[in-house]
Structure formats: C-alpha cells, structure tokens
C-alpha cells in the first residue's frame, strides 16, 4: 500500500516538472520579445499590459487561491522583465 503522503509528494513532483517546462517556454518567449523590443526601440515595461495579464490570470483562478496565483504571476512578470532588460543591455 502506498503511503498517502508519498503519493501526494509524487503528484507535486509531476506538477513541478510541468511548471518548470512551461516557465522555461515562457522565458524563452520573453527573450524573443526582448530582442524584438530592442530592435523596435520599445520600452521593456508596459504597465497596461502587465495589468491586463494579472487581471486575466485572476479571472482564470478559483476564488480560494486567486491572490496566491496573482502574486506568483507578478513575480513571473518581474523576472520576465529582467530577462528582457538583460537583452536590452547587450
């Protein structure tokens, strides 16, 4: 018989792998956007777009965890800007 805690931890591991894969894809796209913005002389920070993204994310989540996910997404947006800033300074 499988220990319930071990089973849940294994489920976490599977989810974490998917999250890492998706985040890697997202940051690769952030790099491409950074290159585009640099070439087109577009500012890295777009407060309007960030607000739209966070609003969209909040609308996709359940009420119970909405604030947590929006907080995580704010960090993802901040890290995406860092990726783009690194490209801008090249």
PDB file of N, CA and C in Angstrom:
ATOM      1  N   UNK A   1       0.840  -1.175   0.000  1.00  0.00           N
ATOM      2  CA  UNK A   1       0.000   0.000   0.000  1.00  0.00           C
ATOM      3  C   UNK A   1       0.890   1.245   0.000  1.00  0.00           C
ATOM      4  N   UNK A   2       0.555   2.202  -0.836  1.00  0.00           N
ATOM      5  CA  UNK A   2       1.319   3.442  -0.945  1.00  0.00           C
ATOM      6  C   UNK A   2       0.949   4.388   0.177  1.00  0.00           C
ATOM      7  N   UNK A   3       1.975   4.966   0.743  1.00  0.00           N
ATOM      8  CA  UNK A   3       1.783   5.980   1.773  1.00  0.00           C
ATOM      9  C   UNK A   3       1.111   7.198   1.137  1.00  0.00           C
ATOM     10  N   UNK A   4       0.004   7.678   1.709  1.00  0.00           N
ATOM     11  CA  UNK A   4      -0.693   8.830   1.100  1.00  0.00           C
ATOM     12  C   UNK A   4       0.196  10.070   0.953  1.00  0.00           C
ATOM     13  N   UNK A   5       1.041  10.337   1.935  1.00  0.00           N
ATOM     14  CA  UNK A   5       1.921  11.490   1.848  1.00  0.00           C
ATOM     15  C   UNK A   5       2.906  11.329   0.686  1.00  0.00           C
ATOM     16  N   UNK A   6       3.456  10.143   0.545  1.00  0.00           N
ATOM     17  CA  UNK A   6       4.397   9.884  -0.547  1.00  0.00           C
ATOM     18  C   UNK A   6       3.702  10.053  -1.901  1.00  0.00           C
ATOM     19  N   UNK A   7       2.494   9.564  -1.997  1.00  0.00           N
ATOM     20  CA  UNK A   7       1.719   9.700  -3.230  1.00  0.00           C
ATOM     21  C   UNK A   7       1.515  11.184  -3.568  1.00  0.00           C
ATOM     22  N   UNK A   8       1.118  11.970  -2.585  1.00  0.00           N
ATOM     23  CA  UNK A   8       0.885  13.399  -2.824  1.00  0.00           C
ATOM     24  C   UNK A   8       2.178  14.113  -3.205  1.00  0.00           C
ATOM     25  N   UNK A   9       3.278  13.722  -2.595  1.00  0.00           N
ATOM     26  CA  UNK A   9       4.569  14.328  -2.942  1.00  0.00           C
ATOM     27  C   UNK A   9       4.967  13.986  -4.373  1.00  0.00           C
ATOM     28  N   UNK A  10       4.684  12.779  -4.776  1.00  0.00           N
ATOM     29  CA  UNK A  10       4.972  12.385  -6.155  1.00  0.00           C
ATOM     30  C   UNK A  10       4.104  13.188  -7.136  1.00  0.00           C
ATOM     31  N   UNK A  11       2.872  13.464  -6.748  1.00  0.00           N
ATOM     32  CA  UNK A  11       1.999  14.299  -7.578  1.00  0.00           C
ATOM     33  C   UNK A  11       2.561  15.716  -7.678  1.00  0.00           C
ATOM     34  N   UNK A  12       3.040  16.243  -6.538  1.00  0.00           N
ATOM     35  CA  UNK A  12       3.699  17.551  -6.557  1.00  0.00           C
ATOM     36  C   UNK A  12       4.873  17.550  -7.535  1.00  0.00           C
ATOM     37  N   UNK A  13       5.688  16.499  -7.484  1.00  0.00           N
ATOM     38  CA  UNK A  13       6.851  16.410  -8.366  1.00  0.00           C
ATOM     39  C   UNK A  13       6.438  16.448  -9.834  1.00  0.00           C
ATOM     40  N   UNK A  14       5.367  15.762 -10.173  1.00  0.00           N
ATOM     41  CA  UNK A  14       4.873  15.760 -11.562  1.00  0.00           C
ATOM     42  C   UNK A  14       4.402  17.158 -11.973  1.00  0.00           C
ATOM     43  N   UNK A  15       3.681  17.804 -11.090  1.00  0.00           N
ATOM     44  CA  UNK A  15       3.194  19.158 -11.367  1.00  0.00           C
ATOM     45  C   UNK A  15       4.364  20.122 -11.489  1.00  0.00           C
ATOM     46  N   UNK A  16       5.341  19.998 -10.586  1.00  0.00           N
ATOM     47  CA  UNK A  16       6.512  20.872 -10.624  1.00  0.00           C
ATOM     48  C   UNK A  16       7.249  20.736 -11.955  1.00  0.00           C
ATOM     49  N   UNK A  17       7.372  19.536 -12.462  1.00  0.00           N
ATOM     50  CA  UNK A  17       8.039  19.316 -13.751  1.00  0.00           C
ATOM     51  C   UNK A  17       7.300  20.054 -14.857  1.00  0.00           C
ATOM     52  N   UNK A  18       5.979  19.970 -14.859  1.00  0.00           N
ATOM     53  CA  UNK A  18       5.183  20.666 -15.874  1.00  0.00           C
ATOM     54  C   UNK A  18       5.358  22.180 -15.744  1.00  0.00           C
ATOM     55  N   UNK A  19       5.340  22.671 -14.506  1.00  0.00           N
ATOM     56  CA  UNK A  19       5.514  24.110 -14.284  1.00  0.00           C
ATOM     57  C   UNK A  19       6.869  24.595 -14.781  1.00  0.00           C
ATOM     58  N   UNK A  20       7.909  23.842 -14.485  1.00  0.00           N
ATOM     59  CA  UNK A  20       9.253  24.218 -14.928  1.00  0.00           C
ATOM     60  C   UNK A  20       9.313  24.246 -16.449  1.00  0.00           C
ATOM     61  N   UNK A  21       8.764  23.242 -17.098  1.00  0.00           N
ATOM     62  CA  UNK A  21       8.758  23.210 -18.566  1.00  0.00           C
ATOM     63  C   UNK A  21       8.036  24.432 -19.134  1.00  0.00           C
ATOM     64  N   UNK A  22       6.896  24.768 -18.568  1.00  0.00           N
ATOM     65  CA  UNK A  22       6.124  25.916 -19.046  1.00  0.00           C
ATOM     66  C   UNK A  22       6.830  27.236 -18.768  1.00  0.00           C
ATOM     67  N   UNK A  23       7.455  27.341 -17.599  1.00  0.00           N
ATOM     68  CA  UNK A  23       8.195  28.563 -17.288  1.00  0.00           C
ATOM     69  C   UNK A  23       9.390  28.743 -18.216  1.00  0.00           C
ATOM     70  N   UNK A  24      10.058  27.644 -18.531  1.00  0.00           N
ATOM     71  CA  UNK A  24      11.171  27.728 -19.485  1.00  0.00           C
ATOM     72  C   UNK A  24      10.680  28.231 -20.835  1.00  0.00           C
ATOM     73  N   UNK A  25       9.543  27.721 -21.286  1.00  0.00           N
ATOM     74  CA  UNK A  25       8.963  28.184 -22.545  1.00  0.00           C
ATOM     75  C   UNK A  25       8.621  29.672 -22.467  1.00  0.00           C
ATOM     76  N   UNK A  26       8.055  30.076 -21.344  1.00  0.00           N
ATOM     77  CA  UNK A  26       7.656  31.476 -21.172  1.00  0.00           C
ATOM     78  C   UNK A  26       8.873  32.398 -21.196  1.00  0.00           C
ATOM     79  N   UNK A  27       9.958  32.000 -20.539  1.00  0.00           N
ATOM     80  CA  UNK A  27      11.143  32.834 -20.515  1.00  0.00           C
ATOM     81  C   UNK A  27      11.858  32.850 -21.871  1.00  0.00           C
ATOM     82  N   UNK A  28      11.789  31.750 -22.614  1.00  0.00           N
ATOM     83  CA  UNK A  28      12.329  31.756 -23.974  1.00  0.00           C
ATOM     84  C   UNK A  28      11.570  32.768 -24.831  1.00  0.00           C
ATOM     85  N   UNK A  29      10.263  32.813 -24.671  1.00  0.00           N
ATOM     86  CA  UNK A  29       9.459  33.786 -25.394  1.00  0.00           C
ATOM     87  C   UNK A  29       9.768  35.210 -24.915  1.00  0.00           C
ATOM     88  N   UNK A  30      10.015  35.375 -23.628  1.00  0.00           N
ATOM     89  CA  UNK A  30      10.406  36.687 -23.097  1.00  0.00           C
ATOM     90  C   UNK A  30      11.696  37.170 -23.753  1.00  0.00           C
ATOM     91  N   UNK A  31      12.632  36.244 -23.979  1.00  0.00           N
ATOM     92  CA  UNK A  31      13.871  36.607 -24.665  1.00  0.00           C
ATOM     93  C   UNK A  31      13.576  37.104 -26.078  1.00  0.00           C
ATOM     94  N   UNK A  32      12.721  36.396 -26.789  1.00  0.00           N
ATOM     95  CA  UNK A  32      12.365  36.800 -28.153  1.00  0.00           C
ATOM     96  C   UNK A  32      11.681  38.171 -28.147  1.00  0.00           C
ATOM     97  N   UNK A  33      10.804  38.373 -27.195  1.00  0.00           N
ATOM     98  CA  UNK A  33      10.133  39.669 -27.085  1.00  0.00           C
ATOM     99  C   UNK A  33      11.156  40.755 -26.761  1.00  0.00           C
ATOM    100  N   UNK A  34      12.117  40.437 -25.902  1.00  0.00           N
ATOM    101  CA  UNK A  34      13.171  41.390 -25.573  1.00  0.00           C
ATOM    102  C   UNK A  34      13.979  41.795 -26.799  1.00  0.00           C
ATOM    103  N   UNK A  35      14.301  40.828 -27.638  1.00  0.00           N
ATOM    104  CA  UNK A  35      15.031  41.113 -28.876  1.00  0.00           C
ATOM    105  C   UNK A  35      14.181  42.010 -29.780  1.00  0.00           C
ATOM    106  N   UNK A  36      12.917  41.683 -29.894  1.00  0.00           N
ATOM    107  CA  UNK A  36      12.012  42.486 -30.721  1.00  0.00           C
ATOM    108  C   UNK A  36      11.909  43.914 -30.182  1.00  0.00           C
ATOM    109  N   UNK A  37      11.691  44.039 -28.876  1.00  0.00           N
ATOM    110  CA  UNK A  37      11.567  45.368 -28.275  1.00  0.00           C
ATOM    111  C   UNK A  37      12.844  46.178 -28.476  1.00  0.00           C
ATOM    112  N   UNK A  38      13.982  45.530 -28.332  1.00  0.00           N
ATOM    113  CA  UNK A  38      15.251  46.232 -28.529  1.00  0.00           C
ATOM    114  C   UNK A  38      15.356  46.728 -29.965  1.00  0.00           C
ATOM    115  N   UNK A  39      15.036  45.868 -30.916  1.00  0.00           N
ATOM    116  CA  UNK A  39      15.118  46.238 -32.326  1.00  0.00           C
ATOM    117  C   UNK A  39      14.146  47.329 -32.720  1.00  0.00           C
ATOM    118  N   UNK A  40      13.002  47.363 -32.056  1.00  0.00           N
ATOM    119  CA  UNK A  40      11.967  48.342 -32.376  1.00  0.00           C
ATOM    120  C   UNK A  40      12.005  49.551 -31.432  1.00  0.00           C
ATOM    121  N   UNK A  41      12.976  49.552 -30.525  1.00  0.00           N
ATOM    122  CA  UNK A  41      13.127  50.622 -29.542  1.00  0.00           C
ATOM    123  C   UNK A  41      11.842  50.819 -28.717  1.00  0.00           C
ATOM    124  N   UNK A  42      11.308  49.700 -28.219  1.00  0.00           N
ATOM    125  CA  UNK A  42      10.102  49.703 -27.396  1.00  0.00           C
ATOM    126  C   UNK A  42      10.516  49.509 -25.939  1.00  0.00           C
ATOM    127  N   UNK A  43       9.905  50.247 -25.050  1.00  0.00           N
ATOM    128  CA  UNK A  43      10.224  50.134 -23.622  1.00  0.00           C
ATOM    129  C   UNK A  43       9.937  48.723 -23.112  1.00  0.00           C
ATOM    130  N   UNK A  44      10.760  48.263 -22.199  1.00  0.00           N
ATOM    131  CA  UNK A  44      10.583  46.935 -21.613  1.00  0.00           C
ATOM    132  C   UNK A  44       9.306  46.887 -20.784  1.00  0.00           C
ATOM    133  N   UNK A  45       9.122  47.880 -19.951  1.00  0.00           N
ATOM    134  CA  UNK A  45       7.973  47.860 -19.049  1.00  0.00           C
ATOM    135  C   UNK A  45       6.734  48.424 -19.740  1.00  0.00           C
ATOM    136  N   UNK A  46       5.652  47.654 -19.651  1.00  0.00           N
ATOM    137  CA  UNK A  46       4.361  48.063 -20.202  1.00  0.00           C
ATOM    138  C   UNK A  46       3.316  47.829 -19.107  1.00  0.00           C
ATOM    139  N   UNK A  47       3.097  48.851 -18.305  1.00  0.00           N
ATOM    140  CA  UNK A  47       2.228  48.737 -17.135  1.00  0.00           C
ATOM    141  C   UNK A  47       0.813  48.319 -17.531  1.00  0.00           C
ATOM    142  N   UNK A  48       0.326  48.839 -18.652  1.00  0.00           N
ATOM    143  CA  UNK A  48      -1.021  48.486 -19.107  1.00  0.00           C
ATOM    144  C   UNK A  48      -1.110  46.997 -19.406  1.00  0.00           C
ATOM    145  N   UNK A  49      -0.135  46.477 -20.136  1.00  0.00           N
ATOM    146  CA  UNK A  49      -0.134  45.053 -20.477  1.00  0.00           C
ATOM    147  C   UNK A  49      -0.007  44.194 -19.222  1.00  0.00           C
ATOM    148  N   UNK A  50       0.853  44.597 -18.304  1.00  0.00           N
ATOM    149  CA  UNK A  50       1.006  43.830 -17.063  1.00  0.00           C
ATOM    150  C   UNK A  50      -0.312  43.769 -16.301  1.00  0.00           C
ATOM    151  N   UNK A  51      -1.010  44.884 -16.238  1.00  0.00           N
ATOM    152  CA  UNK A  51      -2.315  44.902 -15.577  1.00  0.00           C
ATOM    153  C   UNK A  51      -3.305  43.964 -16.248  1.00  0.00           C
ATOM    154  N   UNK A  52      -3.281  43.941 -17.585  1.00  0.00           N
ATOM    155  CA  UNK A  52      -4.164  43.032 -18.323  1.00  0.00           C
ATOM    156  C   UNK A  52      -3.838  41.577 -18.017  1.00  0.00           C
ATOM    157  N   UNK A  53      -2.538  41.266 -18.005  1.00  0.00           N
ATOM    158  CA  UNK A  53      -2.119  39.884 -17.723  1.00  0.00           C
ATOM    159  C   UNK A  53      -2.584  39.473 -16.329  1.00  0.00           C
ATOM    160  N   UNK A  54      -2.343  40.317 -15.334  1.00  0.00           N
ATOM    161  CA  UNK A  54      -2.732  39.975 -13.964  1.00  0.00           C
ATOM    162  C   UNK A  54      -4.245  39.863 -13.830  1.00  0.00           C
ATOM    163  N   UNK A  55      -4.971  40.709 -14.520  1.00  0.00           N
ATOM    164  CA  UNK A  55      -6.432  40.633 -14.492  1.00  0.00           C
ATOM    165  C   UNK A  55      -6.915  39.339 -15.154  1.00  0.00           C
ATOM    166  N   UNK A  56      -6.300  38.979 -16.280  1.00  0.00           N
ATOM    167  CA  UNK A  56      -6.650  37.725 -16.951  1.00  0.00           C
ATOM    168  C   UNK A  56      -6.377  36.526 -16.054  1.00  0.00           C
ATOM    169  N   UNK A  57      -5.216  36.543 -15.404  1.00  0.00           N
ATOM    170  CA  UNK A  57      -4.840  35.433 -14.520  1.00  0.00           C
ATOM    171  C   UNK A  57      -5.825  35.335 -13.361  1.00  0.00           C
ATOM    172  N   UNK A  58      -6.167  36.457 -12.765  1.00  0.00           N
ATOM    173  CA  UNK A  58      -7.117  36.454 -11.642  1.00  0.00           C
ATOM    174  C   UNK A  58      -8.448  35.860 -12.084  1.00  0.00           C
ATOM    175  N   UNK A  59      -8.842  36.126 -13.320  1.00  0.00           N
ATOM    176  CA  UNK A  59     -10.095  35.587 -13.827  1.00  0.00           C
ATOM    177  C   UNK A  59     -10.056  34.097 -14.128  1.00  0.00           C
ATOM    178  N   UNK A  60      -8.857  33.544 -14.262  1.00  0.00           N
ATOM    179  CA  UNK A  60      -8.713  32.117 -14.559  1.00  0.00           C
ATOM    180  C   UNK A  60      -8.672  31.248 -13.315  1.00  0.00           C
ATOM    181  N   UNK A  61      -8.477  31.852 -12.160  1.00  0.00           N
ATOM    182  CA  UNK A  61      -8.246  31.077 -10.943  1.00  0.00           C
ATOM    183  C   UNK A  61      -9.519  30.940 -10.116  1.00  0.00           C
ATOM    184  N   UNK A  62      -9.463  30.010  -9.181  1.00  0.00           N
ATOM    185  CA  UNK A  62     -10.567  29.857  -8.249  1.00  0.00           C
ATOM    186  C   UNK A  62     -10.436  30.900  -7.149  1.00  0.00           C
ATOM    187  N   UNK A  63     -11.537  31.265  -6.556  1.00  0.00           N
ATOM    188  CA  UNK A  63     -11.530  32.309  -5.526  1.00  0.00           C
ATOM    189  C   UNK A  63     -10.604  31.964  -4.368  1.00  0.00           C
ATOM    190  N   UNK A  64     -10.476  30.680  -4.071  1.00  0.00           N
ATOM    191  CA  UNK A  64      -9.692  30.248  -2.918  1.00  0.00           C
ATOM    192  C   UNK A  64      -8.205  30.555  -3.061  1.00  0.00           C
ATOM    193  N   UNK A  65      -7.685  30.505  -4.269  1.00  0.00           N
ATOM    194  CA  UNK A  65      -6.240  30.693  -4.425  1.00  0.00           C
ATOM    195  C   UNK A  65      -5.881  31.839  -5.356  1.00  0.00           C
ATOM    196  N   UNK A  66      -6.828  32.653  -5.714  1.00  0.00           N
ATOM    197  CA  UNK A  66      -6.602  33.726  -6.678  1.00  0.00           C
ATOM    198  C   UNK A  66      -5.468  34.660  -6.264  1.00  0.00           C
ATOM    199  N   UNK A  67      -5.477  35.137  -5.042  1.00  0.00           N
ATOM    200  CA  UNK A  67      -4.441  36.069  -4.591  1.00  0.00           C
ATOM    201  C   UNK A  67      -3.056  35.444  -4.658  1.00  0.00           C
ATOM    202  N   UNK A  68      -2.948  34.171  -4.310  1.00  0.00           N
ATOM    203  CA  UNK A  68      -1.659  33.486  -4.352  1.00  0.00           C
ATOM    204  C   UNK A  68      -1.123  33.409  -5.776  1.00  0.00           C
ATOM    205  N   UNK A  69      -1.985  33.057  -6.694  1.00  0.00           N
ATOM    206  CA  UNK A  69      -1.557  32.901  -8.080  1.00  0.00           C
ATOM    207  C   UNK A  69      -1.206  34.249  -8.689  1.00  0.00           C
ATOM    208  N   UNK A  70      -1.967  35.270  -8.398  1.00  0.00           N
ATOM    209  CA  UNK A  70      -1.651  36.605  -8.912  1.00  0.00           C
ATOM    210  C   UNK A  70      -0.295  37.061  -8.366  1.00  0.00           C
ATOM    211  N   UNK A  71      -0.017  36.787  -7.109  1.00  0.00           N
ATOM    212  CA  UNK A  71       1.285  37.138  -6.515  1.00  0.00           C
ATOM    213  C   UNK A  71       2.416  36.419  -7.237  1.00  0.00           C
ATOM    214  N   UNK A  72       2.227  35.139  -7.506  1.00  0.00           N
ATOM    215  CA  UNK A  72       3.240  34.367  -8.230  1.00  0.00           C
ATOM    216  C   UNK A  72       3.426  34.940  -9.635  1.00  0.00           C
ATOM    217  N   UNK A  73       2.334  35.274 -10.288  1.00  0.00           N
ATOM    218  CA  UNK A  73       2.430  35.834 -11.634  1.00  0.00           C
ATOM    219  C   UNK A  73       3.118  37.190 -11.646  1.00  0.00           C
ATOM    220  N   UNK A  74       2.935  37.985 -10.612  1.00  0.00           N
ATOM    221  CA  UNK A  74       3.651  39.255 -10.534  1.00  0.00           C
ATOM    222  C   UNK A  74       5.151  38.991 -10.516  1.00  0.00           C
ATOM    223  N   UNK A  75       5.562  37.958  -9.781  1.00  0.00           N
ATOM    224  CA  UNK A  75       6.983  37.581  -9.758  1.00  0.00           C
ATOM    225  C   UNK A  75       7.445  37.101 -11.126  1.00  0.00           C
ATOM    226  N   UNK A  76       6.615  36.343 -11.818  1.00  0.00           N
ATOM    227  CA  UNK A  76       6.969  35.863 -13.156  1.00  0.00           C
ATOM    228  C   UNK A  76       7.141  37.056 -14.100  1.00  0.00           C
ATOM    229  N   UNK A  77       6.237  38.029 -14.027  1.00  0.00           N
ATOM    230  CA  UNK A  77       6.364  39.217 -14.865  1.00  0.00           C
ATOM    231  C   UNK A  77       7.637  39.988 -14.538  1.00  0.00           C
ATOM    232  N   UNK A  78       7.942  40.110 -13.253  1.00  0.00           N
ATOM    233  CA  UNK A  78       9.167  40.810 -12.848  1.00  0.00           C
ATOM    234  C   UNK A  78      10.407  40.102 -13.407  1.00  0.00           C
ATOM    235  N   UNK A  79      10.418  38.785 -13.326  1.00  0.00           N
ATOM    236  CA  UNK A  79      11.558  38.014 -13.845  1.00  0.00           C
ATOM    237  C   UNK A  79      11.627  38.096 -15.366  1.00  0.00           C
ATOM    238  N   UNK A  80      10.486  38.140 -16.020  1.00  0.00           N
ATOM    239  CA  UNK A  80      10.462  38.289 -17.480  1.00  0.00           C
ATOM    240  C   UNK A  80      11.072  39.620 -17.887  1.00  0.00           C
ATOM    241  N   UNK A  81      10.770  40.667 -17.126  1.00  0.00           N
ATOM    242  CA  UNK A  81      11.359  41.976 -17.414  1.00  0.00           C
ATOM    243  C   UNK A  81      12.877  41.934 -17.226  1.00  0.00           C
ATOM    244  N   UNK A  82      13.346  41.199 -16.232  1.00  0.00           N
ATOM    245  CA  UNK A  82      14.794  41.075 -16.019  1.00  0.00           C
ATOM    246  C   UNK A  82      15.452  40.410 -17.233  1.00  0.00           C
ATOM    247  N   UNK A  83      14.801  39.391 -17.774  1.00  0.00           N
ATOM    248  CA  UNK A  83      15.320  38.715 -18.963  1.00  0.00           C
ATOM    249  C   UNK A  83      15.408  39.711 -20.122  1.00  0.00           C
ATOM    250  N   UNK A  84      14.354  40.495 -20.299  1.00  0.00           N
ATOM    251  CA  UNK A  84      14.332  41.464 -21.386  1.00  0.00           C
ATOM    252  C   UNK A  84      15.343  42.589 -21.164  1.00  0.00           C
ATOM    253  N   UNK A  85      15.491  43.029 -19.939  1.00  0.00           N
ATOM    254  CA  UNK A  85      16.484  44.074 -19.618  1.00  0.00           C
ATOM    255  C   UNK A  85      17.903  43.606 -19.923  1.00  0.00           C
ATOM    256  N   UNK A  86      18.164  42.324 -19.658  1.00  0.00           N
ATOM    257  CA  UNK A  86      19.492  41.771 -19.951  1.00  0.00           C
ATOM    258  C   UNK A  86      19.765  41.834 -21.450  1.00  0.00           C
ATOM    259  N   UNK A  87      18.754  41.567 -22.246  1.00  0.00           N
ATOM    260  CA  UNK A  87      18.909  41.630 -23.709  1.00  0.00           C
ATOM    261  C   UNK A  87      19.090  43.080 -24.141  1.00  0.00           C
ATOM    262  N   UNK A  88      18.340  43.968 -23.545  1.00  0.00           N
ATOM    263  CA  UNK A  88      18.421  45.385 -23.894  1.00  0.00           C
ATOM    264  C   UNK A  88      19.823  45.942 -23.653  1.00  0.00           C
ATOM    265  N   UNK A  89      20.476  45.430 -22.611  1.00  0.00           N
ATOM    266  CA  UNK A  89      21.806  45.963 -22.259  1.00  0.00           C
ATOM    267  C   UNK A  89      22.943  45.298 -23.033  1.00  0.00           C
ATOM    268  N   UNK A  90      22.618  44.335 -23.864  1.00  0.00           N
ATOM    269  CA  UNK A  90      23.679  43.653 -24.661  1.00  0.00           C
ATOM    270  C   UNK A  90      24.204  44.562 -25.751  1.00  0.00           C
TER     271      UNK A  90
END
